[in-house]
Amino acid sequence: MAEQQQMESRPWQETVVRKTNNQEEEFNPDKIRRSVQNAGANQQLADEITQQIQGSTHSGMTTTEIDNSIQDILKQRDMNAYNNWMQWKEQHQKMR
């Protein structure tokens, strides 16, 4: 029987995420809130998205997975912020 790897449920303060360059860092909900607000979302939506992402984040999760979740929520809730988010993402990828 194959051994199943179970993910530990950890408070976000102890959660480590993997960045696109394979480095690991502690999950920081303030980065999400700030990025979502920079995309044009109001503070209430930024807080809601941050809480939703914070509740679903687990150690080993990638920043790409987090980014995709944020995109999905913005697309449903605020198309202007979604378009700004996607434009920033496209520019950021060109710089790599």
Protein backbone atom coordinates (compact mmCIF):
# COMPACT_ATOMS: atom_id res chain seq x y z
CA MET A 1 0.00 0.00 0.00
CA ALA A 2 1.38 3.41 -0.99
CA GLU A 3 2.16 5.73 1.85
CA GLN A 4 0.04 8.84 1.71
CA GLN A 5 1.62 12.14 2.54
CA GLN A 6 -0.71 14.15 4.70
CA MET A 7 -0.46 17.91 4.80
CA GLU A 8 -0.26 19.40 8.22
CA SER A 9 -2.71 22.14 8.98
CA ARG A 10 -0.61 24.96 10.36
CA PRO A 11 -1.32 28.48 11.45
CA TRP A 12 -0.29 30.86 8.67
CA GLN A 13 2.54 32.18 10.83
CA GLU A 14 4.32 28.84 10.40
CA THR A 15 3.42 28.27 6.75
CA VAL A 16 6.26 28.17 4.25
CA VAL A 17 5.54 28.79 0.58
CA ARG A 18 7.75 28.08 -2.41
CA LYS A 19 8.50 31.00 -4.73
CA THR A 20 8.91 30.64 -8.50
CA ASN A 21 12.71 30.66 -8.08
CA ASN A 22 12.35 27.64 -5.73
CA GLN A 23 13.27 29.62 -2.63
CA GLU A 24 11.07 29.14 0.38
CA GLU A 25 9.76 31.90 2.59
CA GLU A 26 7.20 32.32 5.33
CA PHE A 27 3.69 33.10 4.14
CA ASN A 28 2.97 36.80 4.62
CA PRO A 29 -0.69 37.84 4.27
CA ASP A 30 0.31 41.51 4.18
CA LYS A 31 1.94 40.93 0.78
CA ILE A 32 -1.36 39.68 -0.60
CA ARG A 33 -3.37 42.54 0.87
CA ARG A 34 -0.92 45.13 -0.45
CA SER A 35 -0.75 43.57 -3.92
CA VAL A 36 -4.51 43.30 -4.25
CA GLN A 37 -4.95 46.93 -3.18
CA ASN A 38 -2.20 48.00 -5.60
CA ALA A 39 -4.22 46.32 -8.34
CA GLY A 40 -7.10 48.64 -7.48
CA ALA A 41 -9.30 46.59 -5.18
CA ASN A 42 -10.81 48.41 -2.23
CA GLN A 43 -9.65 47.63 1.28
CA GLN A 44 -12.68 45.47 2.10
CA LEU A 45 -12.15 43.22 -0.92
CA ALA A 46 -8.40 43.08 -0.27
CA ASP A 47 -9.10 41.97 3.31
CA GLU A 48 -11.62 39.34 2.16
CA ILE A 49 -9.22 37.92 -0.42
CA THR A 50 -6.38 37.91 2.09
CA GLN A 51 -8.48 36.01 4.63
CA GLN A 52 -9.65 33.50 2.03
CA ILE A 53 -6.13 32.82 0.78
CA GLN A 54 -4.78 32.70 4.32
CA GLY A 55 -7.37 30.06 5.22
CA SER A 56 -6.47 27.83 2.28
CA THR A 57 -2.68 28.16 2.33
CA HIS A 58 -0.54 25.22 3.44
CA SER A 59 3.17 24.60 3.69
CA GLY A 60 4.66 23.63 0.38
CA MET A 61 2.11 25.65 -1.57
CA THR A 62 3.63 27.63 -4.40
CA THR A 63 3.27 31.35 -4.94
CA THR A 64 1.93 30.47 -8.40
CA GLU A 65 -0.95 28.57 -6.79
CA ILE A 66 -1.63 31.54 -4.52
CA ASP A 67 -1.47 33.92 -7.49
CA ASN A 68 -3.94 31.77 -9.46
CA SER A 69 -6.37 31.78 -6.55
CA ILE A 70 -6.15 35.56 -6.25
CA GLN A 71 -6.71 35.92 -10.00
CA ASP A 72 -9.82 33.73 -9.85
CA ILE A 73 -11.32 35.77 -7.03
CA LEU A 74 -10.49 39.13 -8.63
CA LYS A 75 -11.98 37.99 -11.94
CA GLN A 76 -15.26 37.20 -10.18
CA ARG A 77 -15.36 40.24 -7.90
CA ASP A 78 -13.54 43.18 -9.54
CA MET A 79 -12.69 43.12 -13.24
CA ASN A 80 -10.78 46.40 -13.08
CA ALA A 81 -8.47 45.07 -10.36
CA TYR A 82 -8.22 41.75 -12.23
CA ASN A 83 -7.11 43.52 -15.43
CA ASN A 84 -4.55 45.59 -13.48
CA TRP A 85 -3.29 42.40 -11.77
CA MET A 86 -2.87 40.63 -15.11
CA GLN A 87 -1.14 43.63 -16.67
CA TRP A 88 1.33 43.83 -13.78
CA LYS A 89 1.93 40.08 -13.99
CA GLU A 90 2.66 40.28 -17.71
CA GLN A 91 5.14 43.13 -17.20
CA HIS A 92 6.77 41.33 -14.29
CA GLN A 93 7.27 38.15 -16.35
CA LYS A 94 8.97 40.12 -19.13
CA MET A 95 11.51 41.40 -16.59
CA ARG A 96 12.60 37.88 -15.62
